[in-house]
């Protein structure tokens, strides 16, 4: 199934995108100089594509991602 590529899906509204998976591209900031330890945070916001009054009608997700080499090769993603 294609990701949310509006052109490839011929999407005209966000309703057209609702059944497609979402790709998150994370660009972190180094937390320890000289080591590949990093952290990133951000938000993902979407609406139903039909309602023009967005008050109380928006899905919002906050993300916190970190990678610490000393903890192994694990990446932790927290969705708030």
PDB file of N, CA and C in Angstrom:
ATOM      1  N   UNK A   1       0.843  -1.170   0.000  1.00  0.00           N
ATOM      2  CA  UNK A   1       0.000   0.000   0.000  1.00  0.00           C
ATOM      3  C   UNK A   1       0.889   1.235   0.000  1.00  0.00           C
ATOM      4  N   UNK A   2       0.596   2.217  -0.837  1.00  0.00           N
ATOM      5  CA  UNK A   2       1.428   3.423  -0.872  1.00  0.00           C
ATOM      6  C   UNK A   2       1.280   4.241   0.408  1.00  0.00           C
ATOM      7  N   UNK A   3       2.331   4.954   0.743  1.00  0.00           N
ATOM      8  CA  UNK A   3       2.255   5.845   1.893  1.00  0.00           C
ATOM      9  C   UNK A   3       1.494   7.099   1.488  1.00  0.00           C
ATOM     10  N   UNK A   4       1.391   8.055   2.382  1.00  0.00           N
ATOM     11  CA  UNK A   4       0.602   9.241   2.109  1.00  0.00           C
ATOM     12  C   UNK A   4       1.296  10.167   1.117  1.00  0.00           C
ATOM     13  N   UNK A   5       1.459   9.705  -0.092  1.00  0.00           N
ATOM     14  CA  UNK A   5       1.972  10.503  -1.200  1.00  0.00           C
ATOM     15  C   UNK A   5       0.746  10.988  -1.970  1.00  0.00           C
ATOM     16  N   UNK A   6       0.351  12.228  -1.723  1.00  0.00           N
ATOM     17  CA  UNK A   6      -0.891  12.756  -2.282  1.00  0.00           C
ATOM     18  C   UNK A   6      -0.931  12.664  -3.804  1.00  0.00           C
ATOM     19  N   UNK A   7       0.193  12.902  -4.473  1.00  0.00           N
ATOM     20  CA  UNK A   7       0.212  12.846  -5.930  1.00  0.00           C
ATOM     21  C   UNK A   7      -0.007  11.415  -6.424  1.00  0.00           C
ATOM     22  N   UNK A   8       0.694  10.456  -5.829  1.00  0.00           N
ATOM     23  CA  UNK A   8       0.564   9.066  -6.260  1.00  0.00           C
ATOM     24  C   UNK A   8      -0.826   8.510  -5.963  1.00  0.00           C
ATOM     25  N   UNK A   9      -1.445   8.974  -4.888  1.00  0.00           N
ATOM     26  CA  UNK A   9      -2.776   8.502  -4.512  1.00  0.00           C
ATOM     27  C   UNK A   9      -3.887   9.304  -5.186  1.00  0.00           C
ATOM     28  N   UNK A  10      -3.508  10.355  -5.926  1.00  0.00           N
ATOM     29  CA  UNK A  10      -4.460  11.254  -6.567  1.00  0.00           C
ATOM     30  C   UNK A  10      -5.415  11.840  -5.518  1.00  0.00           C
ATOM     31  N   UNK A  11      -4.878  12.185  -4.357  1.00  0.00           N
ATOM     32  CA  UNK A  11      -5.678  12.708  -3.249  1.00  0.00           C
ATOM     33  C   UNK A  11      -5.988  14.180  -3.457  1.00  0.00           C
ATOM     34  N   UNK A  12      -7.214  14.535  -3.176  1.00  0.00           N
ATOM     35  CA  UNK A  12      -7.633  15.938  -3.270  1.00  0.00           C
ATOM     36  C   UNK A  12      -7.894  16.526  -1.884  1.00  0.00           C
ATOM     37  N   UNK A  13      -8.224  15.670  -0.906  1.00  0.00           N
ATOM     38  CA  UNK A  13      -8.491  16.118   0.460  1.00  0.00           C
ATOM     39  C   UNK A  13      -7.838  15.153   1.430  1.00  0.00           C
ATOM     40  N   UNK A  14      -7.848  15.510   2.712  1.00  0.00           N
ATOM     41  CA  UNK A  14      -7.289  14.608   3.708  1.00  0.00           C
ATOM     42  C   UNK A  14      -8.137  13.353   3.861  1.00  0.00           C
ATOM     43  N   UNK A  15      -9.405  13.404   3.489  1.00  0.00           N
ATOM     44  CA  UNK A  15     -10.252  12.206   3.526  1.00  0.00           C
ATOM     45  C   UNK A  15      -9.664  11.142   2.596  1.00  0.00           C
ATOM     46  N   UNK A  16      -9.142  11.585   1.445  1.00  0.00           N
ATOM     47  CA  UNK A  16      -8.553  10.652   0.477  1.00  0.00           C
ATOM     48  C   UNK A  16      -7.306   9.960   1.027  1.00  0.00           C
ATOM     49  N   UNK A  17      -6.688  10.523   2.048  1.00  0.00           N
ATOM     50  CA  UNK A  17      -5.442   9.974   2.605  1.00  0.00           C
ATOM     51  C   UNK A  17      -5.656   9.070   3.816  1.00  0.00           C
ATOM     52  N   UNK A  18      -6.860   9.002   4.335  1.00  0.00           N
ATOM     53  CA  UNK A  18      -7.078   8.335   5.614  1.00  0.00           C
ATOM     54  C   UNK A  18      -6.766   6.847   5.630  1.00  0.00           C
ATOM     55  N   UNK A  19      -6.831   6.161   4.532  1.00  0.00           N
ATOM     56  CA  UNK A  19      -6.555   4.721   4.528  1.00  0.00           C
ATOM     57  C   UNK A  19      -5.111   4.383   4.185  1.00  0.00           C
ATOM     58  N   UNK A  20      -4.294   5.384   3.942  1.00  0.00           N
ATOM     59  CA  UNK A  20      -2.890   5.161   3.609  1.00  0.00           C
ATOM     60  C   UNK A  20      -2.037   5.297   4.875  1.00  0.00           C
ATOM     61  N   UNK A  21      -1.002   4.464   5.034  1.00  0.00           N
ATOM     62  CA  UNK A  21      -0.120   4.599   6.206  1.00  0.00           C
ATOM     63  C   UNK A  21       0.677   5.899   6.151  1.00  0.00           C
ATOM     64  N   UNK A  22       1.176   6.304   7.275  1.00  0.00           N
ATOM     65  CA  UNK A  22       1.948   7.536   7.394  1.00  0.00           C
ATOM     66  C   UNK A  22       3.415   7.176   7.625  1.00  0.00           C
ATOM     67  N   UNK A  23       4.307   7.813   6.889  1.00  0.00           N
ATOM     68  CA  UNK A  23       5.744   7.675   7.132  1.00  0.00           C
ATOM     69  C   UNK A  23       6.197   8.863   7.966  1.00  0.00           C
ATOM     70  N   UNK A  24       6.945   8.605   9.017  1.00  0.00           N
ATOM     71  CA  UNK A  24       7.542   9.667   9.811  1.00  0.00           C
ATOM     72  C   UNK A  24       9.041   9.668   9.538  1.00  0.00           C
ATOM     73  N   UNK A  25       9.564  10.800   9.145  1.00  0.00           N
ATOM     74  CA  UNK A  25      11.002  10.946   8.916  1.00  0.00           C
ATOM     75  C   UNK A  25      11.544  11.783  10.067  1.00  0.00           C
ATOM     76  N   UNK A  26      12.455  11.208  10.836  1.00  0.00           N
ATOM     77  CA  UNK A  26      12.946  11.839  12.051  1.00  0.00           C
ATOM     78  C   UNK A  26      14.370  12.323  11.833  1.00  0.00           C
ATOM     79  N   UNK A  27      14.598  13.584  12.115  1.00  0.00           N
ATOM     80  CA  UNK A  27      15.938  14.168  12.058  1.00  0.00           C
ATOM     81  C   UNK A  27      16.277  14.630  13.469  1.00  0.00           C
ATOM     82  N   UNK A  28      17.150  13.909  14.124  1.00  0.00           N
ATOM     83  CA  UNK A  28      17.474  14.200  15.512  1.00  0.00           C
ATOM     84  C   UNK A  28      18.642  15.149  15.667  1.00  0.00           C
ATOM     85  N   UNK A  29      18.815  15.608  16.890  1.00  0.00           N
ATOM     86  CA  UNK A  29      19.929  16.469  17.272  1.00  0.00           C
ATOM     87  C   UNK A  29      20.860  15.671  18.173  1.00  0.00           C
ATOM     88  N   UNK A  30      22.160  15.748  17.915  1.00  0.00           N
ATOM     89  CA  UNK A  30      23.130  15.029  18.743  1.00  0.00           C
ATOM     90  C   UNK A  30      23.052  15.508  20.189  1.00  0.00           C
ATOM     91  N   UNK A  31      23.060  14.561  21.116  1.00  0.00           N
ATOM     92  CA  UNK A  31      23.023  14.916  22.530  1.00  0.00           C
ATOM     93  C   UNK A  31      24.383  14.772  23.199  1.00  0.00           C
ATOM     94  N   UNK A  32      25.269  13.974  22.626  1.00  0.00           N
ATOM     95  CA  UNK A  32      26.624  13.800  23.155  1.00  0.00           C
ATOM     96  C   UNK A  32      27.601  14.026  22.001  1.00  0.00           C
ATOM     97  N   UNK A  33      28.388  15.103  22.051  1.00  0.00           N
ATOM     98  CA  UNK A  33      29.336  15.362  20.970  1.00  0.00           C
ATOM     99  C   UNK A  33      30.282  14.179  20.751  1.00  0.00           C
ATOM    100  N   UNK A  34      30.455  13.786  19.501  1.00  0.00           N
ATOM    101  CA  UNK A  34      31.371  12.713  19.158  1.00  0.00           C
ATOM    102  C   UNK A  34      30.768  11.323  19.200  1.00  0.00           C
ATOM    103  N   UNK A  35      29.562  11.174  19.732  1.00  0.00           N
ATOM    104  CA  UNK A  35      28.882   9.879  19.784  1.00  0.00           C
ATOM    105  C   UNK A  35      27.555   9.966  19.020  1.00  0.00           C
ATOM    106  N   UNK A  36      27.134   8.853  18.440  1.00  0.00           N
ATOM    107  CA  UNK A  36      25.875   8.895  17.682  1.00  0.00           C
ATOM    108  C   UNK A  36      24.637   8.807  18.588  1.00  0.00           C
ATOM    109  N   UNK A  37      24.606   9.615  19.647  1.00  0.00           N
ATOM    110  CA  UNK A  37      23.438   9.700  20.514  1.00  0.00           C
ATOM    111  C   UNK A  37      22.616  10.905  20.067  1.00  0.00           C
ATOM    112  N   UNK A  38      21.314  10.700  19.886  1.00  0.00           N
ATOM    113  CA  UNK A  38      20.495  11.815  19.427  1.00  0.00           C
ATOM    114  C   UNK A  38      19.089  11.753  20.000  1.00  0.00           C
ATOM    115  N   UNK A  39      18.397  12.865  19.857  1.00  0.00           N
ATOM    116  CA  UNK A  39      17.031  13.005  20.357  1.00  0.00           C
ATOM    117  C   UNK A  39      16.263  13.909  19.389  1.00  0.00           C
ATOM    118  N   UNK A  40      14.972  13.626  19.246  1.00  0.00           N
ATOM    119  CA  UNK A  40      14.108  14.459  18.403  1.00  0.00           C
ATOM    120  C   UNK A  40      12.710  14.477  18.999  1.00  0.00           C
ATOM    121  N   UNK A  41      11.977  15.516  18.695  1.00  0.00           N
ATOM    122  CA  UNK A  41      10.584  15.573  19.104  1.00  0.00           C
ATOM    123  C   UNK A  41       9.815  16.377  18.068  1.00  0.00           C
ATOM    124  N   UNK A  42       8.530  16.135  18.003  1.00  0.00           N
ATOM    125  CA  UNK A  42       7.710  16.849  17.043  1.00  0.00           C
ATOM    126  C   UNK A  42       6.247  16.503  17.214  1.00  0.00           C
ATOM    127  N   UNK A  43       5.435  17.028  16.315  1.00  0.00           N
ATOM    128  CA  UNK A  43       3.993  16.813  16.361  1.00  0.00           C
ATOM    129  C   UNK A  43       3.485  16.373  15.005  1.00  0.00           C
ATOM    130  N   UNK A  44       2.431  15.579  15.031  1.00  0.00           N
ATOM    131  CA  UNK A  44       1.719  15.180  13.813  1.00  0.00           C
ATOM    132  C   UNK A  44       0.266  15.585  14.030  1.00  0.00           C
ATOM    133  N   UNK A  45      -0.284  16.322  13.100  1.00  0.00           N
ATOM    134  CA  UNK A  45      -1.626  16.842  13.226  1.00  0.00           C
ATOM    135  C   UNK A  45      -2.411  16.483  11.976  1.00  0.00           C
ATOM    136  N   UNK A  46      -3.639  15.997  12.153  1.00  0.00           N
ATOM    137  CA  UNK A  46      -4.495  15.790  10.995  1.00  0.00           C
ATOM    138  C   UNK A  46      -5.947  16.046  11.370  1.00  0.00           C
ATOM    139  N   UNK A  47      -6.781  16.223  10.359  1.00  0.00           N
ATOM    140  CA  UNK A  47      -8.201  16.447  10.581  1.00  0.00           C
ATOM    141  C   UNK A  47      -8.979  15.432   9.758  1.00  0.00           C
ATOM    142  N   UNK A  48     -10.289  15.466   9.864  1.00  0.00           N
ATOM    143  CA  UNK A  48     -11.092  14.476   9.151  1.00  0.00           C
ATOM    144  C   UNK A  48     -11.298  14.817   7.680  1.00  0.00           C
ATOM    145  N   UNK A  49     -10.888  15.996   7.255  1.00  0.00           N
ATOM    146  CA  UNK A  49     -11.004  16.385   5.853  1.00  0.00           C
ATOM    147  C   UNK A  49     -12.367  16.895   5.454  1.00  0.00           C
ATOM    148  N   UNK A  50     -13.308  16.885   6.372  1.00  0.00           N
ATOM    149  CA  UNK A  50     -14.663  17.329   6.065  1.00  0.00           C
ATOM    150  C   UNK A  50     -15.094  18.519   6.905  1.00  0.00           C
ATOM    151  N   UNK A  51     -14.740  18.519   8.175  1.00  0.00           N
ATOM    152  CA  UNK A  51     -15.173  19.554   9.103  1.00  0.00           C
ATOM    153  C   UNK A  51     -14.362  20.818   8.913  1.00  0.00           C
ATOM    154  N   UNK A  52     -15.045  21.955   8.781  1.00  0.00           N
ATOM    155  CA  UNK A  52     -14.318  23.214   8.631  1.00  0.00           C
ATOM    156  C   UNK A  52     -14.035  23.867   9.975  1.00  0.00           C
ATOM    157  N   UNK A  53     -14.770  23.487  11.026  1.00  0.00           N
ATOM    158  CA  UNK A  53     -14.502  23.980  12.372  1.00  0.00           C
ATOM    159  C   UNK A  53     -13.564  22.981  13.049  1.00  0.00           C
ATOM    160  N   UNK A  54     -12.294  23.311  13.148  1.00  0.00           N
ATOM    161  CA  UNK A  54     -11.301  22.379  13.668  1.00  0.00           C
ATOM    162  C   UNK A  54     -11.273  22.298  15.190  1.00  0.00           C
ATOM    163  N   UNK A  55     -11.981  23.179  15.880  1.00  0.00           N
ATOM    164  CA  UNK A  55     -12.010  23.149  17.342  1.00  0.00           C
ATOM    165  C   UNK A  55     -12.600  21.828  17.818  1.00  0.00           C
ATOM    166  N   UNK A  56     -11.784  21.034  18.479  1.00  0.00           N
ATOM    167  CA  UNK A  56     -12.228  19.739  18.984  1.00  0.00           C
ATOM    168  C   UNK A  56     -12.349  18.661  17.921  1.00  0.00           C
ATOM    169  N   UNK A  57     -11.958  18.955  16.695  1.00  0.00           N
ATOM    170  CA  UNK A  57     -12.090  18.005  15.592  1.00  0.00           C
ATOM    171  C   UNK A  57     -10.758  17.696  14.922  1.00  0.00           C
ATOM    172  N   UNK A  58      -9.680  17.769  15.696  1.00  0.00           N
ATOM    173  CA  UNK A  58      -8.342  17.543  15.152  1.00  0.00           C
ATOM    174  C   UNK A  58      -7.655  16.451  15.962  1.00  0.00           C
ATOM    175  N   UNK A  59      -6.978  15.556  15.270  1.00  0.00           N
ATOM    176  CA  UNK A  59      -6.144  14.553  15.932  1.00  0.00           C
ATOM    177  C   UNK A  59      -4.731  15.103  15.989  1.00  0.00           C
ATOM    178  N   UNK A  60      -4.175  15.152  17.172  1.00  0.00           N
ATOM    179  CA  UNK A  60      -2.812  15.652  17.329  1.00  0.00           C
ATOM    180  C   UNK A  60      -2.016  14.657  18.147  1.00  0.00           C
ATOM    181  N   UNK A  61      -0.834  14.326  17.662  1.00  0.00           N
ATOM    182  CA  UNK A  61       0.060  13.387  18.328  1.00  0.00           C
ATOM    183  C   UNK A  61       1.399  14.068  18.519  1.00  0.00           C
ATOM    184  N   UNK A  62       1.978  13.928  19.697  1.00  0.00           N
ATOM    185  CA  UNK A  62       3.321  14.434  19.958  1.00  0.00           C
ATOM    186  C   UNK A  62       4.264  13.243  20.063  1.00  0.00           C
ATOM    187  N   UNK A  63       5.441  13.387  19.483  1.00  0.00           N
ATOM    188  CA  UNK A  63       6.421  12.311  19.442  1.00  0.00           C
ATOM    189  C   UNK A  63       7.697  12.737  20.141  1.00  0.00           C
ATOM    190  N   UNK A  64       8.299  11.784  20.812  1.00  0.00           N
ATOM    191  CA  UNK A  64       9.615  11.966  21.403  1.00  0.00           C
ATOM    192  C   UNK A  64      10.418  10.723  21.028  1.00  0.00           C
ATOM    193  N   UNK A  65      11.567  10.920  20.393  1.00  0.00           N
ATOM    194  CA  UNK A  65      12.387   9.807  19.911  1.00  0.00           C
ATOM    195  C   UNK A  65      13.807  10.006  20.418  1.00  0.00           C
ATOM    196  N   UNK A  66      14.426   8.908  20.861  1.00  0.00           N
ATOM    197  CA  UNK A  66      15.827   9.028  21.260  1.00  0.00           C
ATOM    198  C   UNK A  66      16.595   7.759  20.922  1.00  0.00           C
ATOM    199  N   UNK A  67      17.862   7.952  20.667  1.00  0.00           N
ATOM    200  CA  UNK A  67      18.780   6.839  20.439  1.00  0.00           C
ATOM    201  C   UNK A  67      20.011   7.096  21.288  1.00  0.00           C
ATOM    202  N   UNK A  68      20.388   6.114  22.091  1.00  0.00           N
ATOM    203  CA  UNK A  68      21.590   6.207  22.913  1.00  0.00           C
ATOM    204  C   UNK A  68      22.431   4.978  22.665  1.00  0.00           C
ATOM    205  N   UNK A  69      23.620   5.174  22.160  1.00  0.00           N
ATOM    206  CA  UNK A  69      24.488   4.041  21.825  1.00  0.00           C
ATOM    207  C   UNK A  69      24.803   3.192  23.046  1.00  0.00           C
ATOM    208  N   UNK A  70      24.933   3.805  24.206  1.00  0.00           N
ATOM    209  CA  UNK A  70      25.274   3.040  25.404  1.00  0.00           C
ATOM    210  C   UNK A  70      24.148   2.093  25.821  1.00  0.00           C
ATOM    211  N   UNK A  71      22.935   2.339  25.331  1.00  0.00           N
ATOM    212  CA  UNK A  71      21.804   1.465  25.659  1.00  0.00           C
ATOM    213  C   UNK A  71      21.627   0.364  24.624  1.00  0.00           C
ATOM    214  N   UNK A  72      22.576   0.218  23.730  1.00  0.00           N
ATOM    215  CA  UNK A  72      22.468  -0.792  22.679  1.00  0.00           C
ATOM    216  C   UNK A  72      22.025  -0.168  21.379  1.00  0.00           C
ATOM    217  N   UNK A  73      21.525  -0.986  20.510  1.00  0.00           N
ATOM    218  CA  UNK A  73      21.103  -0.505  19.196  1.00  0.00           C
ATOM    219  C   UNK A  73      19.601  -0.277  19.135  1.00  0.00           C
ATOM    220  N   UNK A  74      19.021   0.186  20.220  1.00  0.00           N
ATOM    221  CA  UNK A  74      17.578   0.395  20.273  1.00  0.00           C
ATOM    222  C   UNK A  74      17.226   1.856  20.048  1.00  0.00           C
ATOM    223  N   UNK A  75      16.127   2.084  19.362  1.00  0.00           N
ATOM    224  CA  UNK A  75      15.563   3.419  19.189  1.00  0.00           C
ATOM    225  C   UNK A  75      14.198   3.390  19.867  1.00  0.00           C
ATOM    226  N   UNK A  76      13.955   4.360  20.723  1.00  0.00           N
ATOM    227  CA  UNK A  76      12.694   4.417  21.459  1.00  0.00           C
ATOM    228  C   UNK A  76      11.832   5.552  20.928  1.00  0.00           C
ATOM    229  N   UNK A  77      10.591   5.234  20.586  1.00  0.00           N
ATOM    230  CA  UNK A  77       9.635   6.220  20.112  1.00  0.00           C
ATOM    231  C   UNK A  77       8.479   6.259  21.097  1.00  0.00           C
ATOM    232  N   UNK A  78       8.240   7.431  21.647  1.00  0.00           N
ATOM    233  CA  UNK A  78       7.133   7.609  22.574  1.00  0.00           C
ATOM    234  C   UNK A  78       6.095   8.497  21.908  1.00  0.00           C
ATOM    235  N   UNK A  79       4.851   8.042  21.892  1.00  0.00           N
ATOM    236  CA  UNK A  79       3.749   8.824  21.349  1.00  0.00           C
ATOM    237  C   UNK A  79       2.936   9.313  22.531  1.00  0.00           C
ATOM    238  N   UNK A  80       2.760  10.613  22.635  1.00  0.00           N
ATOM    239  CA  UNK A  80       2.049  11.218  23.759  1.00  0.00           C
ATOM    240  C   UNK A  80       0.670  11.659  23.296  1.00  0.00           C
TER     241      UNK A  80
END
